[in-house]
PDB file of N, CA and C in Angstrom:
ATOM      1  N   MET A   1      95.152 137.176 101.347  1.00  0.00           N
ATOM      2  CA  MET A   1      93.777 136.743 100.824  1.00  0.00           C
ATOM      3  C   MET A   1      93.788 135.055 101.815  1.00  0.00           C
ATOM      4  N   GLU A   2      92.406 135.039 102.278  1.00  0.00           N
ATOM      5  CA  GLU A   2      92.204 134.030 102.776  1.00  0.00           C
ATOM      6  C   GLU A   2      91.164 133.245 102.010  1.00  0.00           C
ATOM      7  N   TYR A   3      91.430 131.835 101.943  1.00  0.00           N
ATOM      8  CA  TYR A   3      90.687 130.743 101.060  1.00  0.00           C
ATOM      9  C   TYR A   3      89.699 129.549 102.256  1.00  0.00           C
ATOM     10  N   PRO A   4      88.276 129.973 101.736  1.00  0.00           N
ATOM     11  CA  PRO A   4      87.957 128.666 102.221  1.00  0.00           C
ATOM     12  C   PRO A   4      88.512 127.641 102.685  1.00  0.00           C
ATOM     13  N   VAL A   5      87.796 126.744 103.906  1.00  0.00           N
ATOM     14  CA  VAL A   5      88.466 125.524 103.704  1.00  0.00           C
ATOM     15  C   VAL A   5      86.959 124.514 103.666  1.00  0.00           C
ATOM     16  N   TYR A   6      87.770 123.591 102.797  1.00  0.00           N
ATOM     17  CA  TYR A   6      86.591 122.514 102.307  1.00  0.00           C
ATOM     18  C   TYR A   6      86.744 121.012 102.985  1.00  0.00           C
ATOM     19  N   GLU A   7      85.738 120.328 102.815  1.00  0.00           N
ATOM     20  CA  GLU A   7      85.506 119.370 103.626  1.00  0.00           C
ATOM     21  C   GLU A   7      86.747 118.237 102.956  1.00  0.00           C
ATOM     22  N   LYS A   8      86.557 118.069 101.548  1.00  0.00           N
ATOM     23  CA  LYS A   8      87.465 116.988 100.973  1.00  0.00           C
ATOM     24  C   LYS A   8      88.474 117.710  99.736  1.00  0.00           C
ATOM     25  N   TYR A   9      89.374 117.258  99.729  1.00  0.00           N
ATOM     26  CA  TYR A   9      90.428 117.560  98.520  1.00  0.00           C
ATOM     27  C   TYR A   9      90.858 116.354  97.620  1.00  0.00           C
ATOM     28  N   GLN A  10      91.382 116.989  96.483  1.00  0.00           N
ATOM     29  CA  GLN A  10      91.942 116.139  95.429  1.00  0.00           C
ATOM     30  C   GLN A  10      93.420 116.607  94.771  1.00  0.00           C
ATOM     31  N   LEU A  11      94.108 115.742  94.282  1.00  0.00           N
ATOM     32  CA  LEU A  11      95.381 116.066  93.587  1.00  0.00           C
ATOM     33  C   LEU A  11      94.850 116.908  92.577  1.00  0.00           C
ATOM     34  N   SER A  12      95.627 117.952  92.224  1.00  0.00           N
ATOM     35  CA  SER A  12      95.137 118.829  91.258  1.00  0.00           C
ATOM     36  C   SER A  12      95.694 118.354  89.722  1.00  0.00           C
ATOM     37  N   ARG A  13      96.802 117.622  89.972  1.00  0.00           N
ATOM     38  CA  ARG A  13      97.367 117.093  88.502  1.00  0.00           C
ATOM     39  C   ARG A  13      98.152 118.260  87.892  1.00  0.00           C
ATOM     40  N   LEU A  14      98.374 119.008  88.487  1.00  0.00           N
ATOM     41  CA  LEU A  14      99.233 120.456  87.999  1.00  0.00           C
ATOM     42  C   LEU A  14     100.660 120.647  88.859  1.00  0.00           C
ATOM     43  N   GLU A  15     101.531 120.466  87.906  1.00  0.00           N
ATOM     44  CA  GLU A  15     103.135 120.716  88.525  1.00  0.00           C
ATOM     45  C   GLU A  15     103.009 121.677  89.793  1.00  0.00           C
ATOM     46  N   TRP A  16     102.140 123.040  89.599  1.00  0.00           N
ATOM     47  CA  TRP A  16     102.638 124.304  90.709  1.00  0.00           C
ATOM     48  C   TRP A  16     101.567 124.194  91.675  1.00  0.00           C
ATOM     49  N   LEU A  17     100.284 123.176  91.473  1.00  0.00           N
ATOM     50  CA  LEU A  17      99.389 123.425  92.636  1.00  0.00           C
ATOM     51  C   LEU A  17      99.217 121.821  93.077  1.00  0.00           C
ATOM     52  N   ASP A  18      99.127 121.711  94.430  1.00  0.00           N
ATOM     53  CA  ASP A  18      99.081 120.652  95.030  1.00  0.00           C
ATOM     54  C   ASP A  18      97.832 119.996  95.101  1.00  0.00           C
ATOM     55  N   VAL A  19      96.798 120.448  95.849  1.00  0.00           N
ATOM     56  CA  VAL A  19      95.621 120.056  95.741  1.00  0.00           C
ATOM     57  C   VAL A  19      94.322 121.094  95.674  1.00  0.00           C
ATOM     58  N   ILE A  20      93.435 120.646  95.161  1.00  0.00           N
ATOM     59  CA  ILE A  20      92.268 121.601  95.012  1.00  0.00           C
ATOM     60  C   ILE A  20      90.876 120.671  95.743  1.00  0.00           C
ATOM     61  N   PRO A  21      90.092 121.718  95.579  1.00  0.00           N
ATOM     62  CA  PRO A  21      88.948 120.985  96.374  1.00  0.00           C
ATOM     63  C   PRO A  21      88.189 120.187  95.699  1.00  0.00           C
ATOM     64  N   HIS A  22      87.598 118.855  95.906  1.00  0.00           N
ATOM     65  CA  HIS A  22      87.097 117.859  95.391  1.00  0.00           C
ATOM     66  C   HIS A  22      86.126 118.198  94.345  1.00  0.00           C
ATOM     67  N   HIS A  23      85.007 119.005  94.893  1.00  0.00           N
ATOM     68  CA  HIS A  23      83.994 119.645  93.531  1.00  0.00           C
ATOM     69  C   HIS A  23      84.710 119.867  92.522  1.00  0.00           C
ATOM     70  N   TRP A  24      85.805 120.685  92.332  1.00  0.00           N
ATOM     71  CA  TRP A  24      86.436 121.317  91.288  1.00  0.00           C
ATOM     72  C   TRP A  24      87.158 120.352  90.180  1.00  0.00           C
ATOM     73  N   ASP A  25      86.899 120.771  88.967  1.00  0.00           N
ATOM     74  CA  ASP A  25      87.977 120.161  87.974  1.00  0.00           C
ATOM     75  C   ASP A  25      88.909 121.287  87.527  1.00  0.00           C
ATOM     76  N   VAL A  26      89.962 120.595  86.864  1.00  0.00           N
ATOM     77  CA  VAL A  26      91.025 121.471  86.413  1.00  0.00           C
ATOM     78  C   VAL A  26      90.876 121.452  84.961  1.00  0.00           C
ATOM     79  N   ALA A  27      90.860 122.576  84.170  1.00  0.00           N
ATOM     80  CA  ALA A  27      90.545 122.905  82.667  1.00  0.00           C
ATOM     81  C   ALA A  27      91.294 123.956  82.190  1.00  0.00           C
ATOM     82  N   ARG A  28      91.890 123.923  81.017  1.00  0.00           N
ATOM     83  CA  ARG A  28      92.349 125.104  80.229  1.00  0.00           C
ATOM     84  C   ARG A  28      91.629 126.312  80.125  1.00  0.00           C
ATOM     85  N   LEU A  29      91.850 127.344  80.035  1.00  0.00           N
ATOM     86  CA  LEU A  29      91.149 128.534  79.924  1.00  0.00           C
ATOM     87  C   LEU A  29      90.576 128.617  78.597  1.00  0.00           C
ATOM     88  N   ARG A  30      91.834 128.322  77.884  1.00  0.00           N
ATOM     89  CA  ARG A  30      90.873 128.490  76.297  1.00  0.00           C
ATOM     90  C   ARG A  30      89.841 127.428  76.016  1.00  0.00           C
ATOM     91  N   LEU A  31      89.849 126.515  76.809  1.00  0.00           N
ATOM     92  CA  LEU A  31      88.179 125.575  76.886  1.00  0.00           C
ATOM     93  C   LEU A  31      87.269 125.705  77.132  1.00  0.00           C
ATOM     94  N   LEU A  32      87.530 127.014  78.118  1.00  0.00           N
ATOM     95  CA  LEU A  32      86.281 127.481  79.229  1.00  0.00           C
ATOM     96  C   LEU A  32      85.676 128.694  78.608  1.00  0.00           C
ATOM     97  N   SER A  33      86.343 129.805  77.985  1.00  0.00           N
ATOM     98  CA  SER A  33      86.260 130.703  77.205  1.00  0.00           C
ATOM     99  C   SER A  33      86.407 130.975  75.789  1.00  0.00           C
ATOM    100  N   ASN A  34      85.761 132.096  75.333  1.00  0.00           N
ATOM    101  CA  ASN A  34      86.212 132.903  73.957  1.00  0.00           C
ATOM    102  C   ASN A  34      87.397 133.796  74.214  1.00  0.00           C
ATOM    103  N   ARG A  35      88.135 133.572  73.248  1.00  0.00           N
ATOM    104  CA  ARG A  35      89.509 134.552  73.283  1.00  0.00           C
ATOM    105  C   ARG A  35      89.415 135.380  71.984  1.00  0.00           C
ATOM    106  N   TYR A  36      89.696 136.871  72.070  1.00  0.00           N
ATOM    107  CA  TYR A  36      89.632 137.486  70.862  1.00  0.00           C
ATOM    108  C   TYR A  36      90.995 138.340  70.834  1.00  0.00           C
ATOM    109  N   SER A  37      91.447 138.655  69.958  1.00  0.00           N
ATOM    110  CA  SER A  37      92.584 139.638  69.786  1.00  0.00           C
ATOM    111  C   SER A  37      92.324 141.027  68.904  1.00  0.00           C
ATOM    112  N   GLY A  38      92.906 141.881  69.195  1.00  0.00           N
ATOM    113  CA  GLY A  38      92.584 142.780  68.682  1.00  0.00           C
ATOM    114  C   GLY A  38      90.963 143.405  68.648  1.00  0.00           C
ATOM    115  N   GLY A  39      90.267 143.097  69.654  1.00  0.00           N
ATOM    116  CA  GLY A  39      88.935 143.715  69.743  1.00  0.00           C
ATOM    117  C   GLY A  39      88.662 144.580  71.064  1.00  0.00           C
ATOM    118  N   THR A  40      89.965 145.139  71.539  1.00  0.00           N
ATOM    119  CA  THR A  40      89.458 146.245  72.622  1.00  0.00           C
ATOM    120  C   THR A  40      88.237 147.135  72.402  1.00  0.00           C
ATOM    121  N   PRO A  41      87.430 147.237  73.116  1.00  0.00           N
ATOM    122  CA  PRO A  41      86.658 148.264  72.835  1.00  0.00           C
ATOM    123  C   PRO A  41      87.484 149.688  72.847  1.00  0.00           C
ATOM    124  N   SER A  42      86.983 150.834  72.489  1.00  0.00           N
ATOM    125  CA  SER A  42      87.848 152.246  72.954  1.00  0.00           C
ATOM    126  C   SER A  42      87.500 152.494  74.027  1.00  0.00           C
ATOM    127  N   LYS A  43      88.543 153.367  74.899  1.00  0.00           N
ATOM    128  CA  LYS A  43      88.360 153.467  76.427  1.00  0.00           C
ATOM    129  C   LYS A  43      87.808 155.156  75.920  1.00  0.00           C
ATOM    130  N   ASP A  44      87.807 155.594  74.874  1.00  0.00           N
ATOM    131  CA  ASP A  44      87.306 156.650  74.759  1.00  0.00           C
ATOM    132  C   ASP A  44      85.760 156.934  74.954  1.00  0.00           C
ATOM    133  N   ASN A  45      85.346 155.464  74.505  1.00  0.00           N
ATOM    134  CA  ASN A  45      83.748 155.323  74.630  1.00  0.00           C
ATOM    135  C   ASN A  45      83.323 154.896  75.780  1.00  0.00           C
ATOM    136  N   LEU A  46      83.278 155.476  76.811  1.00  0.00           N
ATOM    137  CA  LEU A  46      82.617 155.139  78.209  1.00  0.00           C
ATOM    138  C   LEU A  46      81.646 154.150  78.362  1.00  0.00           C
ATOM    139  N   ALA A  47      80.591 154.158  77.230  1.00  0.00           N
ATOM    140  CA  ALA A  47      79.319 153.122  76.797  1.00  0.00           C
ATOM    141  C   ALA A  47      79.993 151.735  77.093  1.00  0.00           C
ATOM    142  N   TYR A  48      81.143 151.327  76.632  1.00  0.00           N
ATOM    143  CA  TYR A  48      81.749 150.250  76.638  1.00  0.00           C
ATOM    144  C   TYR A  48      82.139 149.709  78.290  1.00  0.00           C
ATOM    145  N   TRP A  49      82.549 150.695  78.932  1.00  0.00           N
ATOM    146  CA  TRP A  49      83.127 150.358  80.092  1.00  0.00           C
ATOM    147  C   TRP A  49      82.408 150.563  81.544  1.00  0.00           C
ATOM    148  N   GLN A  50      81.424 151.509  81.540  1.00  0.00           N
ATOM    149  CA  GLN A  50      80.682 151.954  82.723  1.00  0.00           C
ATOM    150  C   GLN A  50      79.394 150.763  82.937  1.00  0.00           C
ATOM    151  N   GLU A  51      79.235 150.384  84.045  1.00  0.00           N
ATOM    152  CA  GLU A  51      78.757 149.382  84.438  1.00  0.00           C
ATOM    153  C   GLU A  51      78.334 148.275  83.808  1.00  0.00           C
ATOM    154  N   GLY A  52      79.346 147.697  83.268  1.00  0.00           N
ATOM    155  CA  GLY A  52      80.169 146.518  82.560  1.00  0.00           C
ATOM    156  C   GLY A  52      79.622 144.922  83.290  1.00  0.00           C
ATOM    157  N   THR A  53      78.976 144.189  82.845  1.00  0.00           N
ATOM    158  CA  THR A  53      79.165 142.948  83.503  1.00  0.00           C
ATOM    159  C   THR A  53      79.834 141.882  82.906  1.00  0.00           C
ATOM    160  N   ILE A  54      80.696 141.961  81.987  1.00  0.00           N
ATOM    161  CA  ILE A  54      81.456 141.009  81.140  1.00  0.00           C
ATOM    162  C   ILE A  54      82.666 141.168  81.484  1.00  0.00           C
ATOM    163  N   PRO A  55      83.374 140.043  82.354  1.00  0.00           N
ATOM    164  CA  PRO A  55      84.568 140.037  82.931  1.00  0.00           C
ATOM    165  C   PRO A  55      85.600 140.331  81.557  1.00  0.00           C
ATOM    166  N   TRP A  56      86.672 141.059  81.873  1.00  0.00           N
ATOM    167  CA  TRP A  56      87.635 141.505  80.498  1.00  0.00           C
ATOM    168  C   TRP A  56      89.210 141.371  81.247  1.00  0.00           C
ATOM    169  N   LEU A  57      89.590 140.627  80.443  1.00  0.00           N
ATOM    170  CA  LEU A  57      90.943 140.612  80.933  1.00  0.00           C
ATOM    171  C   LEU A  57      91.930 141.427  79.860  1.00  0.00           C
ATOM    172  N   ASN A  58      92.838 142.505  80.380  1.00  0.00           N
ATOM    173  CA  ASN A  58      93.690 143.036  79.199  1.00  0.00           C
ATOM    174  C   ASN A  58      94.860 141.876  78.865  1.00  0.00           C
ATOM    175  N   SER A  59      95.603 141.882  77.942  1.00  0.00           N
ATOM    176  CA  SER A  59      97.055 141.396  77.753  1.00  0.00           C
ATOM    177  C   SER A  59      97.852 141.198  78.766  1.00  0.00           C
ATOM    178  N   GLY A  60      97.924 141.961  79.657  1.00  0.00           N
ATOM    179  CA  GLY A  60      99.022 141.827  80.711  1.00  0.00           C
ATOM    180  C   GLY A  60      98.561 141.012  81.779  1.00  0.00           C
ATOM    181  N   SER A  61      97.364 140.550  81.783  1.00  0.00           N
ATOM    182  CA  SER A  61      96.412 139.731  82.685  1.00  0.00           C
ATOM    183  C   SER A  61      96.959 138.305  82.263  1.00  0.00           C
ATOM    184  N   VAL A  62      97.021 138.180  81.158  1.00  0.00           N
ATOM    185  CA  VAL A  62      96.997 136.650  80.959  1.00  0.00           C
ATOM    186  C   VAL A  62      98.329 135.855  81.217  1.00  0.00           C
ATOM    187  N   ASN A  63      99.381 136.821  81.387  1.00  0.00           N
ATOM    188  CA  ASN A  63     100.624 136.379  81.534  1.00  0.00           C
ATOM    189  C   ASN A  63     100.849 136.168  83.088  1.00  0.00           C
ATOM    190  N   GLN A  64      99.745 136.499  84.050  1.00  0.00           N
ATOM    191  CA  GLN A  64      99.966 136.160  85.319  1.00  0.00           C
ATOM    192  C   GLN A  64      99.578 135.116  85.672  1.00  0.00           C
ATOM    193  N   GLY A  65     100.633 134.269  86.660  1.00  0.00           N
ATOM    194  CA  GLY A  65     100.261 132.853  87.135  1.00  0.00           C
ATOM    195  C   GLY A  65      99.082 132.622  87.757  1.00  0.00           C
ATOM    196  N   THR A  66      98.284 133.367  87.961  1.00  0.00           N
ATOM    197  CA  THR A  66      97.120 133.316  88.874  1.00  0.00           C
ATOM    198  C   THR A  66      96.313 134.516  88.567  1.00  0.00           C
ATOM    199  N   ILE A  67      95.208 134.138  87.898  1.00  0.00           N
ATOM    200  CA  ILE A  67      93.926 135.401  87.992  1.00  0.00           C
ATOM    201  C   ILE A  67      93.156 135.290  88.555  1.00  0.00           C
ATOM    202  N   THR A  68      92.838 136.236  89.612  1.00  0.00           N
ATOM    203  CA  THR A  68      91.758 136.138  90.530  1.00  0.00           C
ATOM    204  C   THR A  68      90.566 136.869  90.220  1.00  0.00           C
ATOM    205  N   LYS A  69      90.728 137.925  89.745  1.00  0.00           N
ATOM    206  CA  LYS A  69      89.668 139.103  89.449  1.00  0.00           C
ATOM    207  C   LYS A  69      89.921 139.628  88.166  1.00  0.00           C
ATOM    208  N   PRO A  70      88.965 140.019  86.739  1.00  0.00           N
ATOM    209  CA  PRO A  70      89.320 140.298  85.976  1.00  0.00           C
ATOM    210  C   PRO A  70      89.710 141.857  86.009  1.00  0.00           C
ATOM    211  N   SER A  71      90.417 142.504  84.797  1.00  0.00           N
ATOM    212  CA  SER A  71      91.089 143.855  84.705  1.00  0.00           C
ATOM    213  C   SER A  71      90.062 144.605  85.023  1.00  0.00           C
ATOM    214  N   ALA A  72      88.742 144.570  84.218  1.00  0.00           N
ATOM    215  CA  ALA A  72      87.830 145.335  84.107  1.00  0.00           C
ATOM    216  C   ALA A  72      86.676 144.328  83.643  1.00  0.00           C
ATOM    217  N   TYR A  73      85.372 145.329  83.644  1.00  0.00           N
ATOM    218  CA  TYR A  73      84.301 144.758  83.372  1.00  0.00           C
ATOM    219  C   TYR A  73      83.535 145.692  82.084  1.00  0.00           C
ATOM    220  N   ILE A  74      83.346 144.913  81.050  1.00  0.00           N
ATOM    221  CA  ILE A  74      82.985 145.830  79.662  1.00  0.00           C
ATOM    222  C   ILE A  74      81.317 145.332  79.642  1.00  0.00           C
ATOM    223  N   THR A  75      80.570 146.018  79.091  1.00  0.00           N
ATOM    224  CA  THR A  75      78.953 146.292  78.698  1.00  0.00           C
ATOM    225  C   THR A  75      79.032 145.005  77.505  1.00  0.00           C
ATOM    226  N   ASP A  76      77.874 145.095  76.964  1.00  0.00           N
ATOM    227  CA  ASP A  76      77.357 143.672  75.607  1.00  0.00           C
ATOM    228  C   ASP A  76      77.465 144.938  74.466  1.00  0.00           C
ATOM    229  N   ILE A  77      77.773 146.132  74.617  1.00  0.00           N
ATOM    230  CA  ILE A  77      77.677 146.959  73.534  1.00  0.00           C
ATOM    231  C   ILE A  77      78.841 146.722  72.615  1.00  0.00           C
ATOM    232  N   ARG A  78      78.660 146.290  71.351  1.00  0.00           N
ATOM    233  CA  ARG A  78      79.800 145.732  70.555  1.00  0.00           C
ATOM    234  C   ARG A  78      80.105 147.006  69.559  1.00  0.00           C
ATOM    235  N   PRO A  79      81.486 147.337  69.532  1.00  0.00           N
ATOM    236  CA  PRO A  79      82.045 148.164  68.539  1.00  0.00           C
ATOM    237  C   PRO A  79      81.627 147.578  67.192  1.00  0.00           C
ATOM    238  N   LYS A  80      81.599 148.869  66.172  1.00  0.00           N
ATOM    239  CA  LYS A  80      81.507 148.570  64.962  1.00  0.00           C
ATOM    240  C   LYS A  80      83.079 148.740  64.334  1.00  0.00           C
ATOM    241  N   ARG A  81      83.612 147.575  64.006  1.00  0.00           N
ATOM    242  CA  ARG A  81      84.893 147.441  63.321  1.00  0.00           C
ATOM    243  C   ARG A  81      84.697 146.216  62.847  1.00  0.00           C
ATOM    244  N   LYS A  82      86.365 146.293  62.278  1.00  0.00           N
ATOM    245  CA  LYS A  82      86.618 144.763  61.659  1.00  0.00           C
ATOM    246  C   LYS A  82      86.124 143.674  62.221  1.00  0.00           C
ATOM    247  N   GLN A  83      86.030 142.628  61.462  1.00  0.00           N
ATOM    248  CA  GLN A  83      85.792 141.412  62.095  1.00  0.00           C
ATOM    249  C   GLN A  83      87.019 140.921  63.204  1.00  0.00           C
ATOM    250  N   ARG A  84      86.746 140.653  64.376  1.00  0.00           N
ATOM    251  CA  ARG A  84      87.516 139.997  65.423  1.00  0.00           C
ATOM    252  C   ARG A  84      88.138 138.965  65.138  1.00  0.00           C
ATOM    253  N   LYS A  85      89.214 138.328  65.599  1.00  0.00           N
ATOM    254  CA  LYS A  85      90.001 137.155  64.944  1.00  0.00           C
ATOM    255  C   LYS A  85      90.083 136.419  66.499  1.00  0.00           C
ATOM    256  N   MET A  86      89.666 134.892  66.358  1.00  0.00           N
ATOM    257  CA  MET A  86      89.833 134.027  67.708  1.00  0.00           C
ATOM    258  C   MET A  86      91.625 133.912  68.057  1.00  0.00           C
ATOM    259  N   GLY A  87      91.553 134.345  69.164  1.00  0.00           N
ATOM    260  CA  GLY A  87      92.946 133.915  69.729  1.00  0.00           C
ATOM    261  C   GLY A  87      93.324 132.398  69.802  1.00  0.00           C
ATOM    262  N   SER A  88      94.489 132.142  69.821  1.00  0.00           N
ATOM    263  CA  SER A  88      94.898 130.346  70.004  1.00  0.00           C
ATOM    264  C   SER A  88      95.329 130.217  71.412  1.00  0.00           C
TER     265      SER A  88
END
């Protein structure tokens, strides 16, 4: 994978990452996103998965050290099921 070269860099403040482009910020994913547990739309209903535009991470993805792309994209169609619970 190739990364673009930026004019200025800054220290990342992360133990595992040396520098980041100067115009980037470091933030926890939990502060930038809504996370839910138990709300995976059924794979049997293709309306949830075909031509989706919302990035989706499956539970295996969140344990990776680096996430560069979503596991899939889902649609805005919401399944009718019990209330989803916010993840921690």
